[in-house]
Amino acid sequence: MSYQLVDLKVGFTCNNNCIHCVVSDKRNEKDLSLEAIKKIIEDYIDQYNQINLTLTGGEITYREDYRQIMQFIKEKKNRGSIDFVDIQTNGRMLSHDKILEETLSVVDFYLIALHSNNSEIHDYITSCQSSFLETTAALAKLTSMINVKSIAIQTVISKKNYKGLKDVYKFVREQYGILECNITFPHPLGVAYDMEIIPTYHEIKEDVNDALKYCLENDMNPYLEALPYCVFEEKLRIYALEYYKKRNQNVVGYGGEKDGHIDYKIVNEEGYAKYDTCKKCSYDNCCLGVWKEYKQLYPLKDMYSMLSNNL
């Protein structure tokens, strides 16, 4: 049976203040009320009959009505209207037993943001002291209570952390047994629209390849986000080609008061741009390119030169 994938942003309030935050310019938007969340979920169920639901924000676990949200979703799961729930979170609040307990009976999959295995670097990126300790405490508790196949780590690349990408995945594999990770190039929006934060693809390519190589050699399942084919070495490019080919882009959702209902396939198609030299690339027809804001930040970069260097 096929379920419609629905991504729901419940608001933009967060207990982190990440230097790469793509929704920082939406922090003034009022978070959805509990009743609004219920109505949006019910509307999607009415439209699609059965859904798989992704909960994100902001930071949903930081809400005072988090327990009520979980109870409502649990009722919908019990009725068969929601088949699968995954949560995108920084994990900090899951280090608290009561919050974790309310989550475990509802959420099927956890995507947890960890931006470095070094506490100082992670806390610098989140702009919150002790965030590393809380996130890793949550990982320790989660991995002792659920199957590690239900957990993935998301690392957003920035100028502060890209040299340690491989170390993050080595850390979570050896420390917690986690075998799934998201290697994510940031979307230069909000405070992230800054050359002091966003590295060039030329800067990160060696470390991205090292990280991907480590994952594949150690039976990890790496997801790739906004990393064009020219970043990868030839052998690793085969993995990237297969990964992007099979990725499901049939996702809809609610993106906040300003964006409203979103069809993410359309957003992805409209959100990317290419350099003139990309036309020379044999992957031009199947490559999305780079975020259009990246091209605005770095208008003179020649992506095609990376491809020839990686052959």
C-alpha atoms as a PDB file:
ATOM      1  CA  MET A   1       0.000   0.000   0.000  1.00  0.00           C
ATOM      2  CA  SER A   2       1.266   3.471  -0.900  1.00  0.00           C
ATOM      3  CA  TYR A   3       1.093   6.250   1.657  1.00  0.00           C
ATOM      4  CA  GLN A   4       1.480   9.932   0.839  1.00  0.00           C
ATOM      5  CA  LEU A   5       4.566  11.452   2.448  1.00  0.00           C
ATOM      6  CA  VAL A   6       3.661  14.593   4.405  1.00  0.00           C
ATOM      7  CA  ASP A   7       6.196  16.973   5.946  1.00  0.00           C
ATOM      8  CA  LEU A   8       4.757  19.187   8.687  1.00  0.00           C
ATOM      9  CA  LYS A   9       6.609  22.183  10.086  1.00  0.00           C
ATOM     10  CA  VAL A  10       4.873  22.918  13.372  1.00  0.00           C
ATOM     11  CA  GLY A  11       6.656  26.249  13.861  1.00  0.00           C
ATOM     12  CA  PHE A  12      10.094  27.796  13.997  1.00  0.00           C
ATOM     13  CA  THR A  13      10.802  28.133  17.729  1.00  0.00           C
ATOM     14  CA  CYS A  14      13.950  26.200  18.601  1.00  0.00           C
ATOM     15  CA  ASN A  15      16.213  25.608  21.592  1.00  0.00           C
ATOM     16  CA  ASN A  16      19.242  25.770  19.272  1.00  0.00           C
ATOM     17  CA  ASN A  17      20.352  28.772  17.251  1.00  0.00           C
ATOM     18  CA  CYS A  18      22.416  27.137  14.524  1.00  0.00           C
ATOM     19  CA  ILE A  19      24.764  29.204  12.401  1.00  0.00           C
ATOM     20  CA  HIS A  20      23.456  27.403   9.289  1.00  0.00           C
ATOM     21  CA  CYS A  21      19.739  27.744  10.133  1.00  0.00           C
ATOM     22  CA  VAL A  22      17.760  28.112   6.903  1.00  0.00           C
ATOM     23  CA  VAL A  23      14.576  29.230   8.679  1.00  0.00           C
ATOM     24  CA  SER A  24      16.114  31.902  10.892  1.00  0.00           C
ATOM     25  CA  ASP A  25      14.266  34.592   8.939  1.00  0.00           C
ATOM     26  CA  LYS A  26      10.973  32.915   9.927  1.00  0.00           C
ATOM     27  CA  ARG A  27      11.575  32.934  13.677  1.00  0.00           C
ATOM     28  CA  ASN A  28       9.092  35.804  14.043  1.00  0.00           C
ATOM     29  CA  GLU A  29       6.300  33.669  12.609  1.00  0.00           C
ATOM     30  CA  LYS A  30       3.900  32.444  15.248  1.00  0.00           C
ATOM     31  CA  ASP A  31       4.105  28.700  15.847  1.00  0.00           C
ATOM     32  CA  LEU A  32       1.105  26.639  14.824  1.00  0.00           C
ATOM     33  CA  SER A  33      -1.387  26.129  17.624  1.00  0.00           C
ATOM     34  CA  LEU A  34      -2.313  22.615  18.710  1.00  0.00           C
ATOM     35  CA  GLU A  35      -5.680  22.982  17.009  1.00  0.00           C
ATOM     36  CA  ALA A  36      -4.056  24.177  13.785  1.00  0.00           C
ATOM     37  CA  ILE A  37      -1.693  21.179  13.815  1.00  0.00           C
ATOM     38  CA  LYS A  38      -4.626  18.813  14.291  1.00  0.00           C
ATOM     39  CA  LYS A  39      -6.573  20.415  11.459  1.00  0.00           C
ATOM     40  CA  ILE A  40      -3.651  20.318   9.019  1.00  0.00           C
ATOM     41  CA  ILE A  41      -3.032  16.635   9.753  1.00  0.00           C
ATOM     42  CA  GLU A  42      -6.739  15.830   9.431  1.00  0.00           C
ATOM     43  CA  ASP A  43      -6.944  17.758   6.146  1.00  0.00           C
ATOM     44  CA  TYR A  44      -4.067  15.732   4.698  1.00  0.00           C
ATOM     45  CA  ILE A  45      -5.695  12.504   5.892  1.00  0.00           C
ATOM     46  CA  ASP A  46      -8.993  13.571   4.285  1.00  0.00           C
ATOM     47  CA  GLN A  47      -7.155  14.329   1.046  1.00  0.00           C
ATOM     48  CA  TYR A  48      -4.923  11.252   0.857  1.00  0.00           C
ATOM     49  CA  ASN A  49      -6.727   8.790   3.160  1.00  0.00           C
ATOM     50  CA  GLN A  50      -3.481   7.449   4.660  1.00  0.00           C
ATOM     51  CA  ILE A  51      -0.208   9.267   5.220  1.00  0.00           C
ATOM     52  CA  ASN A  52       3.354   8.899   6.432  1.00  0.00           C
ATOM     53  CA  LEU A  53       4.101  11.921   8.598  1.00  0.00           C
ATOM     54  CA  THR A  54       7.359  13.793   9.149  1.00  0.00           C
ATOM     55  CA  LEU A  55       7.410  16.169  12.119  1.00  0.00           C
ATOM     56  CA  THR A  56       9.818  19.053  12.031  1.00  0.00           C
ATOM     57  CA  GLY A  57      10.237  22.722  12.891  1.00  0.00           C
ATOM     58  CA  GLY A  58      11.908  24.597  14.557  1.00  0.00           C
ATOM     59  CA  GLU A  59      12.150  22.028  17.302  1.00  0.00           C
ATOM     60  CA  ILE A  60       8.916  20.169  17.933  1.00  0.00           C
ATOM     61  CA  THR A  61      10.078  18.484  21.153  1.00  0.00           C
ATOM     62  CA  TYR A  62      10.592  21.931  22.697  1.00  0.00           C
ATOM     63  CA  ARG A  63       6.871  22.759  22.571  1.00  0.00           C
ATOM     64  CA  GLU A  64       4.825  22.897  25.773  1.00  0.00           C
ATOM     65  CA  ASP A  65       2.014  20.975  24.047  1.00  0.00           C
ATOM     66  CA  TYR A  66       4.315  18.257  22.708  1.00  0.00           C
ATOM     67  CA  ARG A  67       2.579  15.596  24.788  1.00  0.00           C
ATOM     68  CA  GLN A  68      -0.827  16.501  23.331  1.00  0.00           C
ATOM     69  CA  ILE A  69       0.593  16.416  19.799  1.00  0.00           C
ATOM     70  CA  MET A  70       1.956  12.926  20.421  1.00  0.00           C
ATOM     71  CA  GLN A  71      -1.366  11.751  21.856  1.00  0.00           C
ATOM     72  CA  PHE A  72      -3.279  13.050  18.835  1.00  0.00           C
ATOM     73  CA  ILE A  73      -0.911  11.394  16.363  1.00  0.00           C
ATOM     74  CA  LYS A  74      -1.033   8.147  18.324  1.00  0.00           C
ATOM     75  CA  GLU A  75      -4.826   8.116  17.989  1.00  0.00           C
ATOM     76  CA  LYS A  76      -4.519   8.582  14.230  1.00  0.00           C
ATOM     77  CA  LYS A  77      -1.965   5.759  14.027  1.00  0.00           C
ATOM     78  CA  ASN A  78      -4.231   3.447  15.991  1.00  0.00           C
ATOM     79  CA  ARG A  79      -7.018   4.155  13.494  1.00  0.00           C
ATOM     80  CA  GLY A  80      -4.706   3.439  10.551  1.00  0.00           C
ATOM     81  CA  SER A  81      -4.837   6.987   9.154  1.00  0.00           C
ATOM     82  CA  ILE A  82      -1.125   7.499   9.824  1.00  0.00           C
ATOM     83  CA  ASP A  83       1.122   4.560   9.031  1.00  0.00           C
ATOM     84  CA  PHE A  84       4.585   5.864   9.881  1.00  0.00           C
ATOM     85  CA  VAL A  85       5.954   8.830  11.826  1.00  0.00           C
ATOM     86  CA  ASP A  86       9.457  10.203  11.674  1.00  0.00           C
ATOM     87  CA  ILE A  87      10.817  13.179  13.532  1.00  0.00           C
ATOM     88  CA  GLN A  88      13.574  15.624  12.645  1.00  0.00           C
ATOM     89  CA  THR A  89      15.072  16.890  15.868  1.00  0.00           C
ATOM     90  CA  ASN A  90      18.226  18.120  17.548  1.00  0.00           C
ATOM     91  CA  GLY A  91      17.476  15.467  20.161  1.00  0.00           C
ATOM     92  CA  ARG A  92      18.227  17.591  23.203  1.00  0.00           C
ATOM     93  CA  MET A  93      14.808  17.254  24.828  1.00  0.00           C
ATOM     94  CA  LEU A  94      14.854  13.498  24.247  1.00  0.00           C
ATOM     95  CA  SER A  95      17.530  13.315  26.929  1.00  0.00           C
ATOM     96  CA  HIS A  96      14.673  13.939  29.392  1.00  0.00           C
ATOM     97  CA  ASP A  97      12.975  10.676  30.329  1.00  0.00           C
ATOM     98  CA  LYS A  98       9.421  12.033  30.317  1.00  0.00           C
ATOM     99  CA  ILE A  99       9.750  13.555  26.835  1.00  0.00           C
ATOM    100  CA  LEU A 100      11.416  10.408  25.542  1.00  0.00           C
ATOM    101  CA  GLU A 101       8.700   8.199  27.000  1.00  0.00           C
ATOM    102  CA  GLU A 102       5.981  10.261  25.286  1.00  0.00           C
ATOM    103  CA  THR A 103       7.835   9.911  21.999  1.00  0.00           C
ATOM    104  CA  LEU A 104       8.726   6.224  21.891  1.00  0.00           C
ATOM    105  CA  SER A 105       5.183   4.894  21.425  1.00  0.00           C
ATOM    106  CA  VAL A 106       4.502   7.263  18.508  1.00  0.00           C
ATOM    107  CA  VAL A 107       7.663   7.905  16.479  1.00  0.00           C
ATOM    108  CA  ASP A 108       9.023   5.195  14.169  1.00  0.00           C
ATOM    109  CA  PHE A 109      12.170   6.917  12.924  1.00  0.00           C
ATOM    110  CA  TYR A 110      14.495   9.587  14.312  1.00  0.00           C
ATOM    111  CA  LEU A 111      16.671  11.952  12.270  1.00  0.00           C
ATOM    112  CA  ILE A 112      18.911  13.593  14.845  1.00  0.00           C
ATOM    113  CA  ALA A 113      21.197  16.526  14.111  1.00  0.00           C
ATOM    114  CA  LEU A 114      24.800  16.105  15.228  1.00  0.00           C
ATOM    115  CA  HIS A 115      27.192  18.521  13.562  1.00  0.00           C
ATOM    116  CA  SER A 116      30.469  17.373  15.093  1.00  0.00           C
ATOM    117  CA  ASN A 117      31.902  14.710  17.369  1.00  0.00           C
ATOM    118  CA  ASN A 118      33.768  17.554  19.062  1.00  0.00           C
ATOM    119  CA  SER A 119      31.600  19.169  21.747  1.00  0.00           C
ATOM    120  CA  GLU A 120      33.134  22.622  21.297  1.00  0.00           C
ATOM    121  CA  ILE A 121      32.529  22.630  17.543  1.00  0.00           C
ATOM    122  CA  HIS A 122      28.991  21.268  17.856  1.00  0.00           C
ATOM    123  CA  ASP A 123      28.099  23.804  20.568  1.00  0.00           C
ATOM    124  CA  TYR A 124      29.610  26.604  18.486  1.00  0.00           C
ATOM    125  CA  ILE A 125      27.448  25.610  15.525  1.00  0.00           C
ATOM    126  CA  THR A 126      24.279  25.383  17.634  1.00  0.00           C
ATOM    127  CA  SER A 127      25.211  28.517  19.629  1.00  0.00           C
ATOM    128  CA  CYS A 128      24.172  26.622  22.766  1.00  0.00           C
ATOM    129  CA  GLN A 129      26.469  25.388  25.504  1.00  0.00           C
ATOM    130  CA  SER A 130      25.766  21.802  26.585  1.00  0.00           C
ATOM    131  CA  SER A 131      23.804  21.024  23.402  1.00  0.00           C
ATOM    132  CA  PHE A 132      26.348  18.330  22.507  1.00  0.00           C
ATOM    133  CA  LEU A 133      26.001  16.702  25.925  1.00  0.00           C
ATOM    134  CA  GLU A 134      22.206  16.669  25.700  1.00  0.00           C
ATOM    135  CA  THR A 135      22.081  15.364  22.133  1.00  0.00           C
ATOM    136  CA  THR A 136      24.572  12.581  22.816  1.00  0.00           C
ATOM    137  CA  ALA A 137      22.774  11.701  26.065  1.00  0.00           C
ATOM    138  CA  ALA A 138      19.604  11.290  24.008  1.00  0.00           C
ATOM    139  CA  LEU A 139      21.456   9.102  21.500  1.00  0.00           C
ATOM    140  CA  ALA A 140      22.736   6.894  24.308  1.00  0.00           C
ATOM    141  CA  LYS A 141      19.224   6.457  25.714  1.00  0.00           C
ATOM    142  CA  LEU A 142      17.583   5.916  22.338  1.00  0.00           C
ATOM    143  CA  THR A 143      20.071   3.318  21.160  1.00  0.00           C
ATOM    144  CA  SER A 144      19.572   1.361  24.386  1.00  0.00           C
ATOM    145  CA  MET A 145      15.790   1.308  23.890  1.00  0.00           C
ATOM    146  CA  ILE A 146      15.118   0.972  20.147  1.00  0.00           C
ATOM    147  CA  ASN A 147      16.685  -0.616  17.086  1.00  0.00           C
ATOM    148  CA  VAL A 148      19.546   1.510  15.744  1.00  0.00           C
ATOM    149  CA  LYS A 149      18.051   1.054  12.269  1.00  0.00           C
ATOM    150  CA  SER A 150      15.394   3.529  13.414  1.00  0.00           C
ATOM    151  CA  ILE A 151      17.955   6.306  13.923  1.00  0.00           C
ATOM    152  CA  ALA A 152      19.911   8.423  11.466  1.00  0.00           C
ATOM    153  CA  ILE A 153      22.349  11.254  12.041  1.00  0.00           C
ATOM    154  CA  GLN A 154      22.139  14.477  10.072  1.00  0.00           C
ATOM    155  CA  THR A 155      25.257  16.592   9.754  1.00  0.00           C
ATOM    156  CA  VAL A 156      24.886  19.957   8.046  1.00  0.00           C
ATOM    157  CA  ILE A 157      28.142  20.993   6.413  1.00  0.00           C
ATOM    158  CA  SER A 158      29.608  24.398   7.238  1.00  0.00           C
ATOM    159  CA  LYS A 159      33.014  26.056   7.201  1.00  0.00           C
ATOM    160  CA  LYS A 160      33.259  25.184  10.888  1.00  0.00           C
ATOM    161  CA  ASN A 161      32.863  21.411  10.621  1.00  0.00           C
ATOM    162  CA  TYR A 162      33.536  20.081   7.113  1.00  0.00           C
ATOM    163  CA  LYS A 163      37.043  18.848   7.901  1.00  0.00           C
ATOM    164  CA  GLY A 164      35.618  16.516  10.553  1.00  0.00           C
ATOM    165  CA  LEU A 165      32.780  14.901   8.596  1.00  0.00           C
ATOM    166  CA  LYS A 166      34.274  11.417   8.594  1.00  0.00           C
ATOM    167  CA  ASP A 167      34.949  11.680  12.330  1.00  0.00           C
ATOM    168  CA  VAL A 168      31.254  12.330  13.052  1.00  0.00           C
ATOM    169  CA  TYR A 169      30.177   9.116  11.335  1.00  0.00           C
ATOM    170  CA  LYS A 170      33.025   7.132  12.870  1.00  0.00           C
ATOM    171  CA  PHE A 171      31.955   8.453  16.285  1.00  0.00           C
ATOM    172  CA  VAL A 172      28.266   7.511  15.994  1.00  0.00           C
ATOM    173  CA  ARG A 173      29.090   4.108  14.526  1.00  0.00           C
ATOM    174  CA  GLU A 174      31.612   3.185  17.208  1.00  0.00           C
ATOM    175  CA  GLN A 175      29.838   4.853  20.129  1.00  0.00           C
ATOM    176  CA  TYR A 176      26.206   3.974  19.390  1.00  0.00           C
ATOM    177  CA  GLY A 177      26.178   1.488  16.515  1.00  0.00           C
ATOM    178  CA  ILE A 178      24.273   3.943  14.294  1.00  0.00           C
ATOM    179  CA  LEU A 179      24.667   3.056  10.622  1.00  0.00           C
ATOM    180  CA  GLU A 180      22.627   5.683   8.794  1.00  0.00           C
ATOM    181  CA  CYS A 181      23.669   9.271   8.173  1.00  0.00           C
ATOM    182  CA  ASN A 182      22.698  12.299   6.112  1.00  0.00           C
ATOM    183  CA  ILE A 183      25.544  14.270   4.539  1.00  0.00           C
ATOM    184  CA  THR A 184      23.832  17.595   3.966  1.00  0.00           C
ATOM    185  CA  PHE A 185      25.055  20.667   2.139  1.00  0.00           C
ATOM    186  CA  PRO A 186      23.278  23.697   3.637  1.00  0.00           C
ATOM    187  CA  HIS A 187      20.724  25.768   1.796  1.00  0.00           C
ATOM    188  CA  PRO A 188      22.080  29.344   1.951  1.00  0.00           C
ATOM    189  CA  LEU A 189      18.976  30.994   3.380  1.00  0.00           C
ATOM    190  CA  GLY A 190      18.471  33.148   6.456  1.00  0.00           C
ATOM    191  CA  VAL A 191      21.647  33.518   8.508  1.00  0.00           C
ATOM    192  CA  ALA A 192      23.234  30.831   6.340  1.00  0.00           C
ATOM    193  CA  TYR A 193      23.412  33.231   3.401  1.00  0.00           C
ATOM    194  CA  ASP A 194      26.967  34.068   4.371  1.00  0.00           C
ATOM    195  CA  MET A 195      30.345  33.184   2.859  1.00  0.00           C
ATOM    196  CA  GLU A 196      31.717  32.874   6.394  1.00  0.00           C
ATOM    197  CA  ILE A 197      29.343  29.936   6.938  1.00  0.00           C
ATOM    198  CA  ILE A 198      28.809  28.343   3.529  1.00  0.00           C
ATOM    199  CA  PRO A 199      31.935  26.672   2.115  1.00  0.00           C
ATOM    200  CA  THR A 200      32.487  26.160  -1.585  1.00  0.00           C
ATOM    201  CA  TYR A 201      32.096  22.706  -3.072  1.00  0.00           C
ATOM    202  CA  HIS A 202      35.761  22.942  -4.037  1.00  0.00           C
ATOM    203  CA  GLU A 203      36.694  23.319  -0.357  1.00  0.00           C
ATOM    204  CA  ILE A 204      34.663  20.369   0.894  1.00  0.00           C
ATOM    205  CA  LYS A 205      35.054  17.808  -1.883  1.00  0.00           C
ATOM    206  CA  GLU A 206      38.013  15.933  -0.353  1.00  0.00           C
ATOM    207  CA  ASP A 207      36.353  15.658   3.058  1.00  0.00           C
ATOM    208  CA  VAL A 208      32.972  14.697   1.594  1.00  0.00           C
ATOM    209  CA  ASN A 209      34.624  11.922  -0.410  1.00  0.00           C
ATOM    210  CA  ASP A 210      36.539  10.713   2.652  1.00  0.00           C
ATOM    211  CA  ALA A 211      33.320  10.663   4.694  1.00  0.00           C
ATOM    212  CA  LEU A 212      31.335   8.841   2.015  1.00  0.00           C
ATOM    213  CA  LYS A 213      34.157   6.367   1.498  1.00  0.00           C
ATOM    214  CA  TYR A 214      34.273   5.635   5.242  1.00  0.00           C
ATOM    215  CA  CYS A 215      30.519   5.067   5.348  1.00  0.00           C
ATOM    216  CA  LEU A 216      30.479   2.669   2.409  1.00  0.00           C
ATOM    217  CA  GLU A 217      33.507   0.740   3.664  1.00  0.00           C
ATOM    218  CA  ASN A 218      31.888   0.301   7.078  1.00  0.00           C
ATOM    219  CA  ASP A 219      28.403  -0.838   6.052  1.00  0.00           C
ATOM    220  CA  MET A 220      26.796   2.512   6.765  1.00  0.00           C
ATOM    221  CA  ASN A 221      23.885   3.882   4.757  1.00  0.00           C
ATOM    222  CA  PRO A 222      24.709   7.463   3.719  1.00  0.00           C
ATOM    223  CA  TYR A 223      22.062   9.842   2.413  1.00  0.00           C
ATOM    224  CA  LEU A 224      23.167  12.774   0.265  1.00  0.00           C
ATOM    225  CA  GLU A 225      21.614  16.217   0.148  1.00  0.00           C
ATOM    226  CA  ALA A 226      22.451  19.019  -2.321  1.00  0.00           C
ATOM    227  CA  LEU A 227      25.768  17.468  -3.349  1.00  0.00           C
ATOM    228  CA  PRO A 228      26.137  17.511  -7.162  1.00  0.00           C
ATOM    229  CA  TYR A 229      27.870  14.679  -9.003  1.00  0.00           C
ATOM    230  CA  CYS A 230      31.025  16.665  -9.740  1.00  0.00           C
ATOM    231  CA  VAL A 231      31.866  16.692  -6.020  1.00  0.00           C
ATOM    232  CA  PHE A 232      32.446  12.942  -5.985  1.00  0.00           C
ATOM    233  CA  GLU A 233      35.336  10.782  -7.090  1.00  0.00           C
ATOM    234  CA  GLU A 234      34.442   8.587 -10.044  1.00  0.00           C
ATOM    235  CA  LYS A 235      33.838   5.387  -8.035  1.00  0.00           C
ATOM    236  CA  LEU A 236      31.753   7.213  -5.439  1.00  0.00           C
ATOM    237  CA  ARG A 237      29.793   8.987  -8.159  1.00  0.00           C
ATOM    238  CA  ILE A 238      28.203   5.654  -9.025  1.00  0.00           C
ATOM    239  CA  TYR A 239      26.726   5.541  -5.528  1.00  0.00           C
ATOM    240  CA  ALA A 240      25.492   9.136  -5.845  1.00  0.00           C
ATOM    241  CA  LEU A 241      23.854   8.389  -9.193  1.00  0.00           C
ATOM    242  CA  GLU A 242      21.989   5.384  -7.797  1.00  0.00           C
ATOM    243  CA  TYR A 243      21.033   7.242  -4.633  1.00  0.00           C
ATOM    244  CA  TYR A 244      19.541  10.272  -6.364  1.00  0.00           C
ATOM    245  CA  LYS A 245      17.778   8.072  -8.917  1.00  0.00           C
ATOM    246  CA  LYS A 246      15.829   6.124  -6.300  1.00  0.00           C
ATOM    247  CA  ARG A 247      15.107   8.993  -3.899  1.00  0.00           C
ATOM    248  CA  ASN A 248      11.391   9.615  -3.442  1.00  0.00           C
ATOM    249  CA  GLN A 249      10.566  13.260  -4.125  1.00  0.00           C
ATOM    250  CA  ASN A 250       6.799  12.802  -3.944  1.00  0.00           C
ATOM    251  CA  VAL A 251       6.503  14.795  -0.722  1.00  0.00           C
ATOM    252  CA  VAL A 252       3.980  17.460   0.189  1.00  0.00           C
ATOM    253  CA  GLY A 253       3.592  19.401   3.386  1.00  0.00           C
ATOM    254  CA  TYR A 254       3.002  22.555   5.342  1.00  0.00           C
ATOM    255  CA  GLY A 255       5.931  24.978   5.425  1.00  0.00           C
ATOM    256  CA  GLY A 256       4.654  27.635   7.793  1.00  0.00           C
ATOM    257  CA  GLU A 257       2.406  30.670   7.569  1.00  0.00           C
ATOM    258  CA  LYS A 258       4.424  32.286   4.773  1.00  0.00           C
ATOM    259  CA  ASP A 259       4.895  29.228   2.548  1.00  0.00           C
ATOM    260  CA  GLY A 260       1.681  27.337   3.322  1.00  0.00           C
ATOM    261  CA  HIS A 261       1.164  24.085   1.408  1.00  0.00           C
ATOM    262  CA  ILE A 262       4.289  22.934  -0.422  1.00  0.00           C
ATOM    263  CA  ASP A 263       4.904  20.379  -3.148  1.00  0.00           C
ATOM    264  CA  TYR A 264       8.562  19.586  -2.523  1.00  0.00           C
ATOM    265  CA  LYS A 265       9.159  18.172  -5.979  1.00  0.00           C
ATOM    266  CA  ILE A 266       8.314  21.575  -7.457  1.00  0.00           C
ATOM    267  CA  VAL A 267      10.345  23.375  -4.788  1.00  0.00           C
ATOM    268  CA  ASN A 268      13.397  21.250  -5.577  1.00  0.00           C
ATOM    269  CA  GLU A 269      13.088  21.851  -9.298  1.00  0.00           C
ATOM    270  CA  GLU A 270      12.789  25.612  -8.812  1.00  0.00           C
ATOM    271  CA  GLY A 271      15.356  25.909  -6.021  1.00  0.00           C
ATOM    272  CA  TYR A 272      18.445  24.901  -7.990  1.00  0.00           C
ATOM    273  CA  ALA A 273      20.628  26.623 -10.575  1.00  0.00           C
ATOM    274  CA  LYS A 274      23.559  25.734 -12.825  1.00  0.00           C
ATOM    275  CA  TYR A 275      26.700  27.438 -14.065  1.00  0.00           C
ATOM    276  CA  ASP A 276      27.298  27.897 -17.784  1.00  0.00           C
ATOM    277  CA  THR A 277      30.103  25.335 -17.680  1.00  0.00           C
ATOM    278  CA  CYS A 278      27.663  22.701 -16.380  1.00  0.00           C
ATOM    279  CA  LYS A 279      26.446  22.335 -19.967  1.00  0.00           C
ATOM    280  CA  LYS A 280      29.733  20.591 -20.793  1.00  0.00           C
ATOM    281  CA  CYS A 281      29.126  17.928 -18.156  1.00  0.00           C
ATOM    282  CA  SER A 282      27.884  14.476 -19.172  1.00  0.00           C
ATOM    283  CA  TYR A 283      25.661  14.478 -16.062  1.00  0.00           C
ATOM    284  CA  ASP A 284      23.943  17.757 -16.942  1.00  0.00           C
ATOM    285  CA  ASN A 285      20.634  16.110 -17.834  1.00  0.00           C
ATOM    286  CA  CYS A 286      20.305  14.244 -14.542  1.00  0.00           C
ATOM    287  CA  CYS A 287      21.920  16.718 -12.131  1.00  0.00           C
ATOM    288  CA  LEU A 288      19.863  19.348 -10.313  1.00  0.00           C
ATOM    289  CA  GLY A 289      22.879  21.627  -9.943  1.00  0.00           C
ATOM    290  CA  VAL A 290      23.467  23.785  -6.862  1.00  0.00           C
ATOM    291  CA  TRP A 291      21.180  25.848  -4.669  1.00  0.00           C
ATOM    292  CA  LYS A 292      20.451  29.060  -6.578  1.00  0.00           C
ATOM    293  CA  GLU A 293      21.521  31.033  -3.492  1.00  0.00           C
ATOM    294  CA  TYR A 294      24.875  29.236  -3.585  1.00  0.00           C
ATOM    295  CA  LYS A 295      25.365  30.477  -7.131  1.00  0.00           C
ATOM    296  CA  GLN A 296      24.529  33.990  -5.939  1.00  0.00           C
ATOM    297  CA  LEU A 297      27.148  33.722  -3.192  1.00  0.00           C
ATOM    298  CA  TYR A 298      29.761  32.198  -5.491  1.00  0.00           C
ATOM    299  CA  PRO A 299      28.902  33.374  -9.031  1.00  0.00           C
ATOM    300  CA  LEU A 300      32.341  32.712 -10.520  1.00  0.00           C
ATOM    301  CA  LYS A 301      32.907  29.123  -9.392  1.00  0.00           C
ATOM    302  CA  ASP A 302      33.483  26.576 -12.153  1.00  0.00           C
ATOM    303  CA  MET A 303      31.818  23.316 -11.100  1.00  0.00           C
ATOM    304  CA  TYR A 304      32.894  21.490 -14.262  1.00  0.00           C
ATOM    305  CA  SER A 305      36.561  21.817 -13.302  1.00  0.00           C
ATOM    306  CA  MET A 306      35.851  19.632 -10.259  1.00  0.00           C
ATOM    307  CA  LEU A 307      34.482  16.885 -12.460  1.00  0.00           C
ATOM    308  CA  SER A 308      37.623  16.713 -14.581  1.00  0.00           C
ATOM    309  CA  ASN A 309      39.754  16.733 -11.426  1.00  0.00           C
ATOM    310  CA  ASN A 310      37.776  13.808 -10.007  1.00  0.00           C
ATOM    311  CA  LEU A 311      38.007  11.570 -13.077  1.00  0.00           C
END
